[in-house]
Structures are given as C-alpha cells and as structure tokens.
Amino acid sequence: MGIIVNTLQSGPTDTVMNPNAGPVSKIVSPGMAIGHYGNDDEVASVVVSANG
C-alpha cells in the first residue's frame, strides 16, 4: 500500500504545562532512562533526523 507511519514517544518534555521543576518531575525523574526532561530542540532534532 505504500503507507509509512513515523511515531515519536518523547517522554517527559519540559513545557509550560509540564515544567522540569514542577511537582510531577520529582516523581518521574528518578525513573527516566536519560535522567532529565527533554526539551523542544531534542525532540525537533529526532523528528528532523527521522524524516531527513
């Protein structure tokens, strides 16, 4: 069929509604593989590489 689907599961990302210093970060940060919240530049670079 020629249908290609690219998905991205970025995980916790630092945003206005989900700040990396917010109350939820203390709960989820210890379990994160990379050890920190992502940021928009990191997510954008993955999208560009995947679709480059």
Protein backbone atom coordinates (compact mmCIF):
# COMPACT_ATOMS: atom_id res chain seq x y z
CA MET A 1 0.00 0.00 0.00
CA GLY A 2 2.97 2.35 0.40
CA ILE A 3 1.85 3.76 3.73
CA ILE A 4 4.64 4.76 6.10
CA VAL A 5 3.95 5.96 9.64
CA ASN A 6 6.62 7.54 11.84
CA THR A 7 5.83 7.99 15.52
CA LEU A 8 7.77 9.58 18.34
CA GLN A 9 7.29 8.89 22.04
CA SER A 10 9.34 11.69 23.52
CA GLY A 11 8.56 11.02 27.16
CA PRO A 12 8.56 13.85 29.70
CA THR A 13 9.35 17.12 27.93
CA ASP A 14 9.93 20.49 29.56
CA THR A 15 6.98 22.71 28.62
CA VAL A 16 4.96 25.48 30.24
CA MET A 17 2.31 22.94 31.28
CA ASN A 18 4.86 20.27 32.32
CA PRO A 19 7.92 22.12 33.70
CA ASN A 20 11.05 20.19 34.58
CA ALA A 21 10.99 21.81 38.02
CA GLY A 22 7.29 21.12 38.64
CA PRO A 23 5.77 18.80 41.25
CA VAL A 24 5.43 15.86 38.86
CA SER A 25 9.13 15.97 37.94
CA LYS A 26 10.11 14.80 41.43
CA ILE A 27 8.03 11.67 40.88
CA VAL A 28 9.01 10.77 37.30
CA SER A 29 12.64 11.96 37.08
CA PRO A 30 14.20 9.07 39.04
CA GLY A 31 12.73 6.55 36.60
CA MET A 32 13.81 8.26 33.38
CA ALA A 33 16.37 6.47 31.22
CA ILE A 34 18.15 9.68 30.18
CA GLY A 35 17.89 11.21 33.65
CA HIS A 36 16.35 14.52 32.62
CA TYR A 37 13.33 16.08 30.95
CA GLY A 38 13.67 16.52 27.22
CA ASN A 39 13.43 19.90 25.55
CA ASP A 40 11.95 21.10 22.29
CA ASP A 41 15.32 21.15 20.49
CA GLU A 42 15.96 17.49 21.34
CA VAL A 43 12.53 16.43 20.12
CA ALA A 44 12.86 18.52 16.93
CA SER A 45 16.26 17.03 16.10
CA VAL A 46 14.86 13.49 16.32
CA VAL A 47 11.94 14.41 14.06
CA VAL A 48 14.27 16.00 11.50
CA SER A 49 16.65 13.00 11.52
CA ALA A 50 13.81 10.51 11.15
CA ASN A 51 12.32 12.41 8.23
CA GLY A 52 15.54 13.78 6.74
